[in-house]
Amino acid sequence: MDVQKDDDETVETVQQDDDDDDETAAIEDMEKPSVISDQPKETKDSRRKLQIKGEQNRKKRREV
């Protein structure tokens, strides 16, 4: 009977270890710093402005 009791304790220990891993992962996720970008979010308008500027620069190069 002692062997059976040891097996039960091992199963409980393994389950507890799994719970600890989940808690550790959750804590690590909370500790990660949030990424804040200095770059402004690109919008359709800003992309269009860059596209127009690029087209103007190409025209200038062709003229020279």
N, C-alpha and C. Protein backbone atom coordinates (compact mmCIF):
# COMPACT_ATOMS: atom_id res chain seq x y z
N MET A 1 0.80 -1.20 0.00
CA MET A 1 0.00 0.00 0.00
C MET A 1 0.84 1.27 0.00
N ASP A 2 2.03 1.19 0.55
CA ASP A 2 2.89 2.37 0.60
C ASP A 2 3.23 2.87 -0.80
N VAL A 3 3.39 1.94 -1.73
CA VAL A 3 3.72 2.31 -3.10
C VAL A 3 2.59 3.15 -3.69
N GLN A 4 1.36 2.74 -3.48
CA GLN A 4 0.21 3.49 -4.00
C GLN A 4 0.17 4.90 -3.42
N LYS A 5 0.44 5.04 -2.15
CA LYS A 5 0.42 6.34 -1.50
C LYS A 5 1.50 7.26 -2.11
N ASP A 6 2.68 6.70 -2.35
CA ASP A 6 3.75 7.49 -2.97
C ASP A 6 3.35 7.98 -4.35
N ASP A 7 2.70 7.12 -5.13
CA ASP A 7 2.26 7.52 -6.47
C ASP A 7 1.26 8.67 -6.40
N ASP A 8 0.34 8.60 -5.44
CA ASP A 8 -0.65 9.67 -5.29
C ASP A 8 0.04 10.99 -4.94
N GLU A 9 1.01 10.94 -4.07
CA GLU A 9 1.74 12.15 -3.69
C GLU A 9 2.49 12.72 -4.88
N THR A 10 3.06 11.84 -5.70
CA THR A 10 3.78 12.29 -6.89
C THR A 10 2.83 13.01 -7.85
N VAL A 11 1.66 12.45 -8.04
CA VAL A 11 0.67 13.07 -8.93
C VAL A 11 0.29 14.45 -8.40
N GLU A 12 0.06 14.56 -7.09
CA GLU A 12 -0.29 15.85 -6.50
C GLU A 12 0.84 16.86 -6.69
N THR A 13 2.08 16.40 -6.53
CA THR A 13 3.23 17.29 -6.68
C THR A 13 3.33 17.79 -8.12
N VAL A 14 3.13 16.89 -9.08
CA VAL A 14 3.19 17.28 -10.49
C VAL A 14 2.10 18.30 -10.80
N GLN A 15 0.89 18.08 -10.30
CA GLN A 15 -0.19 19.02 -10.54
C GLN A 15 0.13 20.38 -9.92
N GLN A 16 0.71 20.37 -8.75
CA GLN A 16 1.07 21.62 -8.08
C GLN A 16 2.15 22.34 -8.88
N ASP A 17 3.12 21.59 -9.41
CA ASP A 17 4.17 22.20 -10.23
C ASP A 17 3.57 22.86 -11.47
N ASP A 18 2.58 22.20 -12.10
CA ASP A 18 1.93 22.78 -13.27
C ASP A 18 1.23 24.09 -12.90
N ASP A 19 0.57 24.11 -11.76
CA ASP A 19 -0.11 25.33 -11.31
C ASP A 19 0.90 26.45 -11.09
N ASP A 20 2.04 26.11 -10.50
CA ASP A 20 3.08 27.11 -10.26
C ASP A 20 3.60 27.67 -11.57
N ASP A 21 3.75 26.81 -12.59
CA ASP A 21 4.22 27.27 -13.90
C ASP A 21 3.23 28.28 -14.50
N ASP A 22 1.94 27.98 -14.37
CA ASP A 22 0.92 28.89 -14.91
C ASP A 22 0.98 30.24 -14.20
N GLU A 23 1.13 30.21 -12.88
CA GLU A 23 1.21 31.46 -12.12
C GLU A 23 2.46 32.24 -12.49
N THR A 24 3.57 31.53 -12.66
CA THR A 24 4.83 32.19 -13.02
C THR A 24 4.70 32.85 -14.39
N ALA A 25 4.09 32.16 -15.34
CA ALA A 25 3.92 32.72 -16.68
C ALA A 25 3.03 33.96 -16.63
N ALA A 26 1.98 33.92 -15.83
CA ALA A 26 1.08 35.08 -15.72
C ALA A 26 1.82 36.27 -15.10
N ILE A 27 2.64 36.01 -14.10
CA ILE A 27 3.40 37.09 -13.46
C ILE A 27 4.41 37.67 -14.44
N GLU A 28 5.08 36.81 -15.20
CA GLU A 28 6.07 37.29 -16.17
C GLU A 28 5.40 38.16 -17.23
N ASP A 29 4.19 37.78 -17.66
CA ASP A 29 3.47 38.58 -18.65
C ASP A 29 3.14 39.96 -18.10
N MET A 30 2.77 40.03 -16.81
CA MET A 30 2.43 41.31 -16.21
C MET A 30 3.65 42.20 -16.06
N GLU A 31 4.82 41.59 -15.90
CA GLU A 31 6.04 42.36 -15.66
C GLU A 31 6.64 42.93 -16.94
N LYS A 32 6.21 42.43 -18.10
CA LYS A 32 6.76 42.93 -19.35
C LYS A 32 6.36 44.39 -19.54
N PRO A 33 7.31 45.23 -19.90
CA PRO A 33 6.97 46.64 -20.10
C PRO A 33 6.15 46.80 -21.38
N SER A 34 5.23 47.72 -21.36
CA SER A 34 4.46 47.97 -22.57
C SER A 34 5.33 48.79 -23.51
N VAL A 35 5.23 48.50 -24.78
CA VAL A 35 6.06 49.17 -25.77
C VAL A 35 5.35 50.44 -26.22
N ILE A 36 6.03 51.55 -26.04
CA ILE A 36 5.48 52.84 -26.47
C ILE A 36 6.40 53.37 -27.56
N SER A 37 5.84 53.58 -28.71
CA SER A 37 6.63 54.03 -29.85
C SER A 37 6.64 55.55 -29.91
N ASP A 38 7.81 56.09 -30.25
CA ASP A 38 7.93 57.53 -30.46
C ASP A 38 7.41 57.92 -31.84
N GLN A 39 7.30 56.92 -32.71
CA GLN A 39 6.85 57.18 -34.07
C GLN A 39 5.33 57.37 -34.09
N PRO A 40 4.86 58.38 -34.80
CA PRO A 40 3.40 58.54 -34.90
C PRO A 40 2.81 57.40 -35.73
N LYS A 41 1.61 57.04 -35.42
CA LYS A 41 0.96 55.97 -36.17
C LYS A 41 0.72 56.44 -37.60
N GLU A 42 1.10 55.60 -38.54
CA GLU A 42 0.98 55.98 -39.95
C GLU A 42 -0.49 55.94 -40.36
N THR A 43 -0.92 56.97 -41.02
CA THR A 43 -2.31 57.04 -41.47
C THR A 43 -2.32 57.07 -43.00
N LYS A 44 -3.51 56.94 -43.55
CA LYS A 44 -3.63 57.00 -45.00
C LYS A 44 -3.17 58.35 -45.52
N ASP A 45 -3.51 59.41 -44.77
CA ASP A 45 -3.11 60.75 -45.20
C ASP A 45 -1.60 60.91 -45.22
N SER A 46 -0.93 60.42 -44.18
CA SER A 46 0.53 60.58 -44.13
C SER A 46 1.19 59.74 -45.22
N ARG A 47 0.63 58.56 -45.51
CA ARG A 47 1.19 57.75 -46.59
C ARG A 47 1.00 58.45 -47.93
N ARG A 48 -0.16 59.04 -48.12
CA ARG A 48 -0.43 59.75 -49.37
C ARG A 48 0.50 60.94 -49.54
N LYS A 49 0.74 61.68 -48.45
CA LYS A 49 1.66 62.82 -48.50
C LYS A 49 3.06 62.37 -48.90
N LEU A 50 3.51 61.25 -48.32
CA LEU A 50 4.83 60.73 -48.67
C LEU A 50 4.88 60.30 -50.13
N GLN A 51 3.78 59.71 -50.61
CA GLN A 51 3.73 59.27 -52.00
C GLN A 51 3.81 60.48 -52.93
N ILE A 52 3.08 61.53 -52.62
CA ILE A 52 3.10 62.75 -53.44
C ILE A 52 4.49 63.37 -53.43
N LYS A 53 5.10 63.42 -52.25
CA LYS A 53 6.44 63.99 -52.13
C LYS A 53 7.44 63.19 -52.96
N GLY A 54 7.31 61.87 -52.95
CA GLY A 54 8.20 61.02 -53.74
C GLY A 54 8.02 61.26 -55.23
N GLU A 55 6.76 61.41 -55.64
CA GLU A 55 6.49 61.69 -57.06
C GLU A 55 7.08 63.03 -57.47
N GLN A 56 6.96 64.03 -56.60
CA GLN A 56 7.53 65.35 -56.90
C GLN A 56 9.04 65.27 -57.02
N ASN A 57 9.68 64.52 -56.12
CA ASN A 57 11.14 64.38 -56.18
C ASN A 57 11.57 63.68 -57.46
N ARG A 58 10.82 62.67 -57.90
CA ARG A 58 11.16 61.98 -59.15
C ARG A 58 11.04 62.92 -60.34
N LYS A 59 10.01 63.76 -60.34
CA LYS A 59 9.83 64.73 -61.43
C LYS A 59 11.00 65.70 -61.48
N LYS A 60 11.44 66.17 -60.30
CA LYS A 60 12.56 67.10 -60.24
C LYS A 60 13.82 66.46 -60.80
N ARG A 61 14.05 65.18 -60.47
CA ARG A 61 15.26 64.49 -60.96
C ARG A 61 15.22 64.34 -62.47
N ARG A 62 14.04 64.10 -63.02
CA ARG A 62 13.92 63.95 -64.47
C ARG A 62 14.20 65.27 -65.19
N GLU A 63 13.77 66.37 -64.57
CA GLU A 63 13.96 67.69 -65.18
C GLU A 63 15.42 68.10 -65.19
N VAL A 64 16.19 67.64 -64.22
CA VAL A 64 17.60 68.05 -64.10
C VAL A 64 18.44 67.25 -65.01
